[in-house]
Amino acid sequence: MSEKNLYCQATNCAHNYNKLCRAGYIHVRGSSAVRTSETTCTTYFADSVGFFTSAIEVGGDTSPENIICEASNCVYNKESHCTSDSVLINSHFSSCETFKLK
């Protein structure tokens, strides 16, 4: 099991369980991004009623190596995969707060 974690502050996302992502994999867009605000987690799924989250609880945590990343200007992007030890997704905009310009 990976020691890397995908921390998610988007607590209203259906894949969020105790601030860890349980989506299995995520997709970060922002192919021409030069700042965090130009990235977005497209796997984000708003769970406004709270019933979907309970179905996710039995899944495993998503790790950074399970991120399909289009942010080619990020230092952590290697062949469309994330190499960061820890990734943080923003709570309001579902942007990748770990993004760092090359």
PDB file of N, CA and C in Angstrom:
ATOM      1  N   MET A   1       0.835  -1.180   0.000  1.00  0.00           N
ATOM      2  CA  MET A   1       0.000   0.000   0.000  1.00  0.00           C
ATOM      3  C   MET A   1       0.880   1.244   0.000  1.00  0.00           C
ATOM      4  N   SER A   2       0.477   2.228  -0.739  1.00  0.00           N
ATOM      5  CA  SER A   2       1.236   3.460  -0.880  1.00  0.00           C
ATOM      6  C   SER A   2       1.213   4.292   0.402  1.00  0.00           C
ATOM      7  N   GLU A   3       2.331   4.938   0.708  1.00  0.00           N
ATOM      8  CA  GLU A   3       2.403   5.858   1.842  1.00  0.00           C
ATOM      9  C   GLU A   3       1.954   7.258   1.430  1.00  0.00           C
ATOM     10  N   LYS A   4       1.742   7.472   0.140  1.00  0.00           N
ATOM     11  CA  LYS A   4       1.329   8.764  -0.367  1.00  0.00           C
ATOM     12  C   LYS A   4      -0.168   8.932  -0.154  1.00  0.00           C
ATOM     13  N   ASN A   5      -0.606  10.174   0.016  1.00  0.00           N
ATOM     14  CA  ASN A   5      -2.022  10.432   0.256  1.00  0.00           C
ATOM     15  C   ASN A   5      -2.547  11.544  -0.618  1.00  0.00           C
ATOM     16  N   LEU A   6      -3.818  11.473  -0.908  1.00  0.00           N
ATOM     17  CA  LEU A   6      -4.497  12.524  -1.631  1.00  0.00           C
ATOM     18  C   LEU A   6      -5.452  13.172  -0.632  1.00  0.00           C
ATOM     19  N   TYR A   7      -5.033  14.303  -0.069  1.00  0.00           N
ATOM     20  CA  TYR A   7      -5.852  15.009   0.913  1.00  0.00           C
ATOM     21  C   TYR A   7      -6.838  15.904   0.185  1.00  0.00           C
ATOM     22  N   CYS A   8      -8.060  15.827   0.614  1.00  0.00           N
ATOM     23  CA  CYS A   8      -9.112  16.592  -0.045  1.00  0.00           C
ATOM     24  C   CYS A   8      -9.844  17.458   0.962  1.00  0.00           C
ATOM     25  N   GLN A   9      -9.814  18.762   0.746  1.00  0.00           N
ATOM     26  CA  GLN A   9     -10.533  19.705   1.598  1.00  0.00           C
ATOM     27  C   GLN A   9     -11.954  19.933   1.079  1.00  0.00           C
ATOM     28  N   ALA A  10     -12.291  19.346  -0.071  1.00  0.00           N
ATOM     29  CA  ALA A  10     -13.634  19.496  -0.637  1.00  0.00           C
ATOM     30  C   ALA A  10     -14.577  18.543   0.087  1.00  0.00           C
ATOM     31  N   THR A  11     -14.944  18.901   1.321  1.00  0.00           N
ATOM     32  CA  THR A  11     -15.724  18.011   2.171  1.00  0.00           C
ATOM     33  C   THR A  11     -17.144  17.772   1.660  1.00  0.00           C
ATOM     34  N   ASN A  12     -17.582  18.563   0.704  1.00  0.00           N
ATOM     35  CA  ASN A  12     -18.899  18.333   0.118  1.00  0.00           C
ATOM     36  C   ASN A  12     -18.819  17.447  -1.123  1.00  0.00           C
ATOM     37  N   CYS A  13     -17.654  16.863  -1.392  1.00  0.00           N
ATOM     38  CA  CYS A  13     -17.502  15.943  -2.520  1.00  0.00           C
ATOM     39  C   CYS A  13     -17.909  14.543  -2.062  1.00  0.00           C
ATOM     40  N   ALA A  14     -18.622  13.843  -2.890  1.00  0.00           N
ATOM     41  CA  ALA A  14     -19.090  12.498  -2.557  1.00  0.00           C
ATOM     42  C   ALA A  14     -17.947  11.511  -2.350  1.00  0.00           C
ATOM     43  N   HIS A  15     -16.775  11.788  -2.901  1.00  0.00           N
ATOM     44  CA  HIS A  15     -15.631  10.888  -2.770  1.00  0.00           C
ATOM     45  C   HIS A  15     -14.783  11.184  -1.528  1.00  0.00           C
ATOM     46  N   ASN A  16     -15.145  12.223  -0.778  1.00  0.00           N
ATOM     47  CA  ASN A  16     -14.370  12.629   0.389  1.00  0.00           C
ATOM     48  C   ASN A  16     -14.814  11.847   1.620  1.00  0.00           C
ATOM     49  N   TYR A  17     -13.852  11.206   2.273  1.00  0.00           N
ATOM     50  CA  TYR A  17     -14.133  10.484   3.511  1.00  0.00           C
ATOM     51  C   TYR A  17     -13.045  10.842   4.515  1.00  0.00           C
ATOM     52  N   ASN A  18     -13.405  11.619   5.520  1.00  0.00           N
ATOM     53  CA  ASN A  18     -12.432  12.094   6.519  1.00  0.00           C
ATOM     54  C   ASN A  18     -11.239  12.792   5.884  1.00  0.00           C
ATOM     55  N   LYS A  19     -11.517  13.608   4.873  1.00  0.00           N
ATOM     56  CA  LYS A  19     -10.528  14.411   4.142  1.00  0.00           C
ATOM     57  C   LYS A  19      -9.549  13.583   3.305  1.00  0.00           C
ATOM     58  N   LEU A  20      -9.878  12.330   3.056  1.00  0.00           N
ATOM     59  CA  LEU A  20      -9.112  11.499   2.130  1.00  0.00           C
ATOM     60  C   LEU A  20     -10.022  11.153   0.965  1.00  0.00           C
ATOM     61  N   CYS A  21      -9.460  11.084  -0.223  1.00  0.00           N
ATOM     62  CA  CYS A  21     -10.243  10.793  -1.417  1.00  0.00           C
ATOM     63  C   CYS A  21     -10.432   9.292  -1.562  1.00  0.00           C
ATOM     64  N   ARG A  22     -11.666   8.887  -1.849  1.00  0.00           N
ATOM     65  CA  ARG A  22     -11.989   7.481  -2.057  1.00  0.00           C
ATOM     66  C   ARG A  22     -12.530   7.244  -3.468  1.00  0.00           C
ATOM     67  N   ALA A  23     -12.131   8.070  -4.416  1.00  0.00           N
ATOM     68  CA  ALA A  23     -12.623   7.917  -5.784  1.00  0.00           C
ATOM     69  C   ALA A  23     -11.931   6.776  -6.525  1.00  0.00           C
ATOM     70  N   GLY A  24     -10.800   6.312  -6.045  1.00  0.00           N
ATOM     71  CA  GLY A  24     -10.042   5.273  -6.740  1.00  0.00           C
ATOM     72  C   GLY A  24      -8.986   5.886  -7.640  1.00  0.00           C
ATOM     73  N   TYR A  25      -9.386   6.839  -8.440  1.00  0.00           N
ATOM     74  CA  TYR A  25      -8.476   7.641  -9.247  1.00  0.00           C
ATOM     75  C   TYR A  25      -9.145   8.989  -9.446  1.00  0.00           C
ATOM     76  N   ILE A  26      -8.347  10.001  -9.751  1.00  0.00           N
ATOM     77  CA  ILE A  26      -8.925  11.295 -10.102  1.00  0.00           C
ATOM     78  C   ILE A  26      -8.264  11.835 -11.361  1.00  0.00           C
ATOM     79  N   HIS A  27      -8.906  12.811 -11.930  1.00  0.00           N
ATOM     80  CA  HIS A  27      -8.446  13.452 -13.153  1.00  0.00           C
ATOM     81  C   HIS A  27      -8.313  14.946 -12.880  1.00  0.00           C
ATOM     82  N   VAL A  28      -7.097  15.476 -13.016  1.00  0.00           N
ATOM     83  CA  VAL A  28      -6.860  16.908 -12.831  1.00  0.00           C
ATOM     84  C   VAL A  28      -6.636  17.537 -14.201  1.00  0.00           C
ATOM     85  N   ARG A  29      -7.443  18.542 -14.506  1.00  0.00           N
ATOM     86  CA  ARG A  29      -7.300  19.261 -15.774  1.00  0.00           C
ATOM     87  C   ARG A  29      -6.573  20.576 -15.548  1.00  0.00           C
ATOM     88  N   GLY A  30      -6.045  21.104 -16.633  1.00  0.00           N
ATOM     89  CA  GLY A  30      -5.325  22.365 -16.595  1.00  0.00           C
ATOM     90  C   GLY A  30      -4.080  22.270 -17.445  1.00  0.00           C
ATOM     91  N   SER A  31      -4.232  21.798 -18.664  1.00  0.00           N
ATOM     92  CA  SER A  31      -3.087  21.527 -19.532  1.00  0.00           C
ATOM     93  C   SER A  31      -2.177  22.732 -19.740  1.00  0.00           C
ATOM     94  N   SER A  32      -2.722  23.929 -19.715  1.00  0.00           N
ATOM     95  CA  SER A  32      -1.883  25.115 -19.895  1.00  0.00           C
ATOM     96  C   SER A  32      -1.794  25.942 -18.612  1.00  0.00           C
ATOM     97  N   ALA A  33      -2.125  25.349 -17.479  1.00  0.00           N
ATOM     98  CA  ALA A  33      -2.139  26.058 -16.195  1.00  0.00           C
ATOM     99  C   ALA A  33      -0.752  26.574 -15.817  1.00  0.00           C
ATOM    100  N   VAL A  34      -0.735  27.795 -15.300  1.00  0.00           N
ATOM    101  CA  VAL A  34       0.491  28.383 -14.755  1.00  0.00           C
ATOM    102  C   VAL A  34       0.281  28.783 -13.292  1.00  0.00           C
ATOM    103  N   ARG A  35      -0.924  28.530 -12.773  1.00  0.00           N
ATOM    104  CA  ARG A  35      -1.237  28.784 -11.362  1.00  0.00           C
ATOM    105  C   ARG A  35      -2.310  27.797 -10.920  1.00  0.00           C
ATOM    106  N   THR A  36      -2.389  27.623  -9.633  1.00  0.00           N
ATOM    107  CA  THR A  36      -3.328  26.675  -9.026  1.00  0.00           C
ATOM    108  C   THR A  36      -4.760  26.876  -9.505  1.00  0.00           C
ATOM    109  N   SER A  37      -5.193  28.112  -9.575  1.00  0.00           N
ATOM    110  CA  SER A  37      -6.585  28.410  -9.931  1.00  0.00           C
ATOM    111  C   SER A  37      -6.956  27.953 -11.340  1.00  0.00           C
ATOM    112  N   GLU A  38      -5.978  27.609 -12.143  1.00  0.00           N
ATOM    113  CA  GLU A  38      -6.237  27.144 -13.509  1.00  0.00           C
ATOM    114  C   GLU A  38      -6.289  25.619 -13.592  1.00  0.00           C
ATOM    115  N   THR A  39      -6.241  24.949 -12.447  1.00  0.00           N
ATOM    116  CA  THR A  39      -6.378  23.493 -12.399  1.00  0.00           C
ATOM    117  C   THR A  39      -7.729  23.151 -11.792  1.00  0.00           C
ATOM    118  N   THR A  40      -8.212  21.959 -12.058  1.00  0.00           N
ATOM    119  CA  THR A  40      -9.457  21.514 -11.443  1.00  0.00           C
ATOM    120  C   THR A  40      -9.513  19.994 -11.391  1.00  0.00           C
ATOM    121  N   CYS A  41     -10.066  19.488 -10.308  1.00  0.00           N
ATOM    122  CA  CYS A  41     -10.291  18.050 -10.148  1.00  0.00           C
ATOM    123  C   CYS A  41     -11.636  17.745 -10.792  1.00  0.00           C
ATOM    124  N   THR A  42     -11.618  17.095 -11.941  1.00  0.00           N
ATOM    125  CA  THR A  42     -12.874  16.836 -12.647  1.00  0.00           C
ATOM    126  C   THR A  42     -13.612  15.627 -12.085  1.00  0.00           C
ATOM    127  N   THR A  43     -12.998  14.920 -11.151  1.00  0.00           N
ATOM    128  CA  THR A  43     -13.654  13.792 -10.503  1.00  0.00           C
ATOM    129  C   THR A  43     -14.569  14.274  -9.383  1.00  0.00           C
ATOM    130  N   TYR A  44     -14.441  15.546  -9.015  1.00  0.00           N
ATOM    131  CA  TYR A  44     -15.271  16.146  -7.969  1.00  0.00           C
ATOM    132  C   TYR A  44     -16.752  15.913  -8.281  1.00  0.00           C
ATOM    133  N   PHE A  45     -17.482  15.462  -7.290  1.00  0.00           N
ATOM    134  CA  PHE A  45     -18.911  15.206  -7.431  1.00  0.00           C
ATOM    135  C   PHE A  45     -19.598  15.715  -6.172  1.00  0.00           C
ATOM    136  N   ALA A  46     -20.366  16.779  -6.299  1.00  0.00           N
ATOM    137  CA  ALA A  46     -21.032  17.376  -5.139  1.00  0.00           C
ATOM    138  C   ALA A  46     -22.050  16.417  -4.551  1.00  0.00           C
ATOM    139  N   ASP A  47     -21.982  16.246  -3.253  1.00  0.00           N
ATOM    140  CA  ASP A  47     -22.915  15.384  -2.532  1.00  0.00           C
ATOM    141  C   ASP A  47     -23.706  16.247  -1.560  1.00  0.00           C
ATOM    142  N   SER A  48     -24.678  16.935  -2.076  1.00  0.00           N
ATOM    143  CA  SER A  48     -25.417  17.903  -1.275  1.00  0.00           C
ATOM    144  C   SER A  48     -26.350  17.269  -0.252  1.00  0.00           C
ATOM    145  N   VAL A  49     -26.689  16.002  -0.421  1.00  0.00           N
ATOM    146  CA  VAL A  49     -27.602  15.371   0.528  1.00  0.00           C
ATOM    147  C   VAL A  49     -26.923  14.373   1.454  1.00  0.00           C
ATOM    148  N   GLY A  50     -25.696  13.996   1.181  1.00  0.00           N
ATOM    149  CA  GLY A  50     -24.932  13.138   2.075  1.00  0.00           C
ATOM    150  C   GLY A  50     -25.181  11.650   1.965  1.00  0.00           C
ATOM    151  N   PHE A  51     -26.051  11.193   1.073  1.00  0.00           N
ATOM    152  CA  PHE A  51     -26.324   9.761   1.013  1.00  0.00           C
ATOM    153  C   PHE A  51     -25.315   8.999   0.158  1.00  0.00           C
ATOM    154  N   PHE A  52     -24.711   9.646  -0.819  1.00  0.00           N
ATOM    155  CA  PHE A  52     -23.772   8.951  -1.702  1.00  0.00           C
ATOM    156  C   PHE A  52     -22.473   8.634  -0.979  1.00  0.00           C
ATOM    157  N   THR A  53     -22.045   9.494  -0.075  1.00  0.00           N
ATOM    158  CA  THR A  53     -20.782   9.312   0.632  1.00  0.00           C
ATOM    159  C   THR A  53     -20.713   7.975   1.360  1.00  0.00           C
ATOM    160  N   SER A  54     -21.796   7.521   1.939  1.00  0.00           N
ATOM    161  CA  SER A  54     -21.766   6.263   2.687  1.00  0.00           C
ATOM    162  C   SER A  54     -21.440   5.073   1.796  1.00  0.00           C
ATOM    163  N   ALA A  55     -21.707   5.158   0.519  1.00  0.00           N
ATOM    164  CA  ALA A  55     -21.377   4.081  -0.412  1.00  0.00           C
ATOM    165  C   ALA A  55     -19.886   4.055  -0.723  1.00  0.00           C
ATOM    166  N   ILE A  56     -19.205   5.171  -0.531  1.00  0.00           N
ATOM    167  CA  ILE A  56     -17.777   5.283  -0.826  1.00  0.00           C
ATOM    168  C   ILE A  56     -16.929   4.798   0.344  1.00  0.00           C
ATOM    169  N   GLU A  57     -17.454   4.809   1.547  1.00  0.00           N
ATOM    170  CA  GLU A  57     -16.683   4.535   2.751  1.00  0.00           C
ATOM    171  C   GLU A  57     -15.906   3.226   2.721  1.00  0.00           C
ATOM    172  N   VAL A  58     -16.369   2.231   2.016  1.00  0.00           N
ATOM    173  CA  VAL A  58     -15.697   0.939   1.997  1.00  0.00           C
ATOM    174  C   VAL A  58     -14.551   0.883   0.996  1.00  0.00           C
ATOM    175  N   GLY A  59     -14.407   1.871   0.163  1.00  0.00           N
ATOM    176  CA  GLY A  59     -13.343   1.895  -0.835  1.00  0.00           C
ATOM    177  C   GLY A  59     -11.996   2.250  -0.239  1.00  0.00           C
ATOM    178  N   GLY A  60     -10.957   2.082  -1.018  1.00  0.00           N
ATOM    179  CA  GLY A  60      -9.627   2.442  -0.557  1.00  0.00           C
ATOM    180  C   GLY A  60      -9.302   3.887  -0.862  1.00  0.00           C
ATOM    181  N   ASP A  61      -8.306   4.399  -0.171  1.00  0.00           N
ATOM    182  CA  ASP A  61      -7.885   5.773  -0.401  1.00  0.00           C
ATOM    183  C   ASP A  61      -7.228   5.918  -1.765  1.00  0.00           C
ATOM    184  N   THR A  62      -7.462   7.054  -2.400  1.00  0.00           N
ATOM    185  CA  THR A  62      -6.816   7.370  -3.669  1.00  0.00           C
ATOM    186  C   THR A  62      -5.427   7.903  -3.363  1.00  0.00           C
ATOM    187  N   SER A  63      -4.443   7.491  -4.106  1.00  0.00           N
ATOM    188  CA  SER A  63      -3.081   7.975  -3.905  1.00  0.00           C
ATOM    189  C   SER A  63      -2.656   8.829  -5.093  1.00  0.00           C
ATOM    190  N   PRO A  64      -1.649   9.695  -4.913  1.00  0.00           N
ATOM    191  CA  PRO A  64      -1.227  10.566  -6.005  1.00  0.00           C
ATOM    192  C   PRO A  64      -0.854   9.826  -7.291  1.00  0.00           C
ATOM    193  N   GLU A  65      -0.331   8.601  -7.183  1.00  0.00           N
ATOM    194  CA  GLU A  65       0.015   7.881  -8.410  1.00  0.00           C
ATOM    195  C   GLU A  65      -1.223   7.444  -9.186  1.00  0.00           C
ATOM    196  N   ASN A  66      -2.405   7.583  -8.575  1.00  0.00           N
ATOM    197  CA  ASN A  66      -3.655   7.286  -9.269  1.00  0.00           C
ATOM    198  C   ASN A  66      -4.331   8.548  -9.795  1.00  0.00           C
ATOM    199  N   ILE A  67      -3.530   9.574 -10.011  1.00  0.00           N
ATOM    200  CA  ILE A  67      -4.036  10.827 -10.566  1.00  0.00           C
ATOM    201  C   ILE A  67      -3.629  10.927 -12.028  1.00  0.00           C
ATOM    202  N   ILE A  68      -4.619  11.086 -12.874  1.00  0.00           N
ATOM    203  CA  ILE A  68      -4.353  11.417 -14.274  1.00  0.00           C
ATOM    204  C   ILE A  68      -4.275  12.934 -14.301  1.00  0.00           C
ATOM    205  N   CYS A  69      -3.109  13.469 -14.616  1.00  0.00           N
ATOM    206  CA  CYS A  69      -2.887  14.906 -14.518  1.00  0.00           C
ATOM    207  C   CYS A  69      -2.533  15.508 -15.870  1.00  0.00           C
ATOM    208  N   GLU A  70      -3.314  16.501 -16.262  1.00  0.00           N
ATOM    209  CA  GLU A  70      -3.064  17.214 -17.516  1.00  0.00           C
ATOM    210  C   GLU A  70      -2.250  18.490 -17.306  1.00  0.00           C
ATOM    211  N   ALA A  71      -1.919  18.820 -16.066  1.00  0.00           N
ATOM    212  CA  ALA A  71      -1.190  20.059 -15.776  1.00  0.00           C
ATOM    213  C   ALA A  71       0.288  19.877 -16.124  1.00  0.00           C
ATOM    214  N   SER A  72       0.580  19.968 -17.402  1.00  0.00           N
ATOM    215  CA  SER A  72       1.935  19.688 -17.895  1.00  0.00           C
ATOM    216  C   SER A  72       2.985  20.689 -17.416  1.00  0.00           C
ATOM    217  N   ASN A  73       2.565  21.842 -16.924  1.00  0.00           N
ATOM    218  CA  ASN A  73       3.500  22.849 -16.409  1.00  0.00           C
ATOM    219  C   ASN A  73       3.827  22.653 -14.932  1.00  0.00           C
ATOM    220  N   CYS A  74       3.313  21.592 -14.327  1.00  0.00           N
ATOM    221  CA  CYS A  74       3.539  21.334 -12.903  1.00  0.00           C
ATOM    222  C   CYS A  74       4.809  20.491 -12.726  1.00  0.00           C
ATOM    223  N   VAL A  75       5.603  20.833 -11.718  1.00  0.00           N
ATOM    224  CA  VAL A  75       6.847  20.097 -11.454  1.00  0.00           C
ATOM    225  C   VAL A  75       6.575  18.644 -11.069  1.00  0.00           C
ATOM    226  N   TYR A  76       5.392  18.354 -10.571  1.00  0.00           N
ATOM    227  CA  TYR A  76       5.053  16.998 -10.128  1.00  0.00           C
ATOM    228  C   TYR A  76       4.467  16.122 -11.238  1.00  0.00           C
ATOM    229  N   ASN A  77       4.254  16.702 -12.411  1.00  0.00           N
ATOM    230  CA  ASN A  77       3.677  15.948 -13.518  1.00  0.00           C
ATOM    231  C   ASN A  77       4.782  15.207 -14.272  1.00  0.00           C
ATOM    232  N   LYS A  78       4.654  13.883 -14.313  1.00  0.00           N
ATOM    233  CA  LYS A  78       5.576  13.073 -15.102  1.00  0.00           C
ATOM    234  C   LYS A  78       4.738  12.127 -15.953  1.00  0.00           C
ATOM    235  N   GLU A  79       4.758  12.378 -17.240  1.00  0.00           N
ATOM    236  CA  GLU A  79       4.003  11.565 -18.190  1.00  0.00           C
ATOM    237  C   GLU A  79       2.527  11.441 -17.783  1.00  0.00           C
ATOM    238  N   SER A  80       1.948  12.576 -17.418  1.00  0.00           N
ATOM    239  CA  SER A  80       0.530  12.697 -17.044  1.00  0.00           C
ATOM    240  C   SER A  80       0.167  11.998 -15.730  1.00  0.00           C
ATOM    241  N   HIS A  81       1.147  11.740 -14.882  1.00  0.00           N
ATOM    242  CA  HIS A  81       0.893  11.177 -13.549  1.00  0.00           C
ATOM    243  C   HIS A  81       1.578  12.052 -12.509  1.00  0.00           C
ATOM    244  N   CYS A  82       1.030  12.060 -11.303  1.00  0.00           N
ATOM    245  CA  CYS A  82       1.535  12.903 -10.227  1.00  0.00           C
ATOM    246  C   CYS A  82       2.648  12.198  -9.460  1.00  0.00           C
ATOM    247  N   THR A  83       3.735  12.923  -9.173  1.00  0.00           N
ATOM    248  CA  THR A  83       4.857  12.357  -8.427  1.00  0.00           C
ATOM    249  C   THR A  83       4.998  12.958  -7.026  1.00  0.00           C
ATOM    250  N   SER A  84       4.060  13.791  -6.621  1.00  0.00           N
ATOM    251  CA  SER A  84       4.108  14.402  -5.293  1.00  0.00           C
ATOM    252  C   SER A  84       3.830  13.358  -4.207  1.00  0.00           C
ATOM    253  N   ASP A  85       4.421  13.555  -3.026  1.00  0.00           N
ATOM    254  CA  ASP A  85       4.164  12.657  -1.899  1.00  0.00           C
ATOM    255  C   ASP A  85       2.800  12.889  -1.267  1.00  0.00           C
ATOM    256  N   SER A  86       2.254  14.078  -1.455  1.00  0.00           N
ATOM    257  CA  SER A  86       0.966  14.409  -0.880  1.00  0.00           C
ATOM    258  C   SER A  86       0.301  15.452  -1.763  1.00  0.00           C
ATOM    259  N   VAL A  87      -0.981  15.297  -2.002  1.00  0.00           N
ATOM    260  CA  VAL A  87      -1.714  16.211  -2.872  1.00  0.00           C
ATOM    261  C   VAL A  87      -2.899  16.764  -2.093  1.00  0.00           C
ATOM    262  N   LEU A  88      -3.152  18.055  -2.275  1.00  0.00           N
ATOM    263  CA  LEU A  88      -4.260  18.715  -1.591  1.00  0.00           C
ATOM    264  C   LEU A  88      -5.211  19.312  -2.614  1.00  0.00           C
ATOM    265  N   ILE A  89      -6.478  18.940  -2.526  1.00  0.00           N
ATOM    266  CA  ILE A  89      -7.513  19.493  -3.401  1.00  0.00           C
ATOM    267  C   ILE A  89      -8.276  20.560  -2.616  1.00  0.00           C
ATOM    268  N   ASN A  90      -8.466  21.720  -3.236  1.00  0.00           N
ATOM    269  CA  ASN A  90      -9.113  22.885  -2.622  1.00  0.00           C
ATOM    270  C   ASN A  90     -10.589  22.637  -2.349  1.00  0.00           C
ATOM    271  N   SER A  91     -11.079  23.170  -1.232  1.00  0.00           N
ATOM    272  CA  SER A  91     -12.462  22.944  -0.820  1.00  0.00           C
ATOM    273  C   SER A  91     -13.504  23.726  -1.615  1.00  0.00           C
ATOM    274  N   HIS A  92     -13.148  24.871  -2.160  1.00  0.00           N
ATOM    275  CA  HIS A  92     -14.138  25.704  -2.841  1.00  0.00           C
ATOM    276  C   HIS A  92     -14.150  25.538  -4.351  1.00  0.00           C
ATOM    277  N   PHE A  93     -12.985  25.344  -4.939  1.00  0.00           N
ATOM    278  CA  PHE A  93     -12.906  25.346  -6.394  1.00  0.00           C
ATOM    279  C   PHE A  93     -12.458  24.011  -6.964  1.00  0.00           C
ATOM    280  N   SER A  94     -12.221  23.033  -6.116  1.00  0.00           N
ATOM    281  CA  SER A  94     -11.702  21.713  -6.475  1.00  0.00           C
ATOM    282  C   SER A  94     -10.435  21.811  -7.327  1.00  0.00           C
ATOM    283  N   SER A  95      -9.641  22.851  -7.050  1.00  0.00           N
ATOM    284  CA  SER A  95      -8.352  23.009  -7.735  1.00  0.00           C
ATOM    285  C   SER A  95      -7.285  22.215  -7.012  1.00  0.00           C
ATOM    286  N   CYS A  96      -6.199  21.948  -7.692  1.00  0.00           N
ATOM    287  CA  CYS A  96      -5.083  21.206  -7.093  1.00  0.00           C
ATOM    288  C   CYS A  96      -4.133  22.208  -6.428  1.00  0.00           C
ATOM    289  N   GLU A  97      -4.176  22.248  -5.104  1.00  0.00           N
ATOM    290  CA  GLU A  97      -3.353  23.193  -4.354  1.00  0.00           C
ATOM    291  C   GLU A  97      -1.878  22.783  -4.314  1.00  0.00           C
ATOM    292  N   THR A  98      -1.561  21.598  -4.766  1.00  0.00           N
ATOM    293  CA  THR A  98      -0.184  21.118  -4.801  1.00  0.00           C
ATOM    294  C   THR A  98       0.541  21.588  -6.055  1.00  0.00           C
ATOM    295  N   PHE A  99      -0.224  22.099  -7.026  1.00  0.00           N
ATOM    296  CA  PHE A  99       0.348  22.576  -8.285  1.00  0.00           C
ATOM    297  C   PHE A  99       1.519  23.528  -8.003  1.00  0.00           C
ATOM    298  N   LYS A 100       2.629  23.281  -8.685  1.00  0.00           N
ATOM    299  CA  LYS A 100       3.804  24.146  -8.582  1.00  0.00           C
ATOM    300  C   LYS A 100       4.389  24.284  -9.981  1.00  0.00           C
ATOM    301  N   LEU A 101       4.500  25.514 -10.441  1.00  0.00           N
ATOM    302  CA  LEU A 101       4.990  25.798 -11.790  1.00  0.00           C
ATOM    303  C   LEU A 101       6.442  25.363 -11.952  1.00  0.00           C
ATOM    304  N   LYS A 102       6.718  24.698 -13.069  1.00  0.00           N
ATOM    305  CA  LYS A 102       8.081  24.264 -13.392  1.00  0.00           C
ATOM    306  C   LYS A 102       8.989  25.457 -13.533  1.00  0.00           C
TER     307      LYS A 102
END
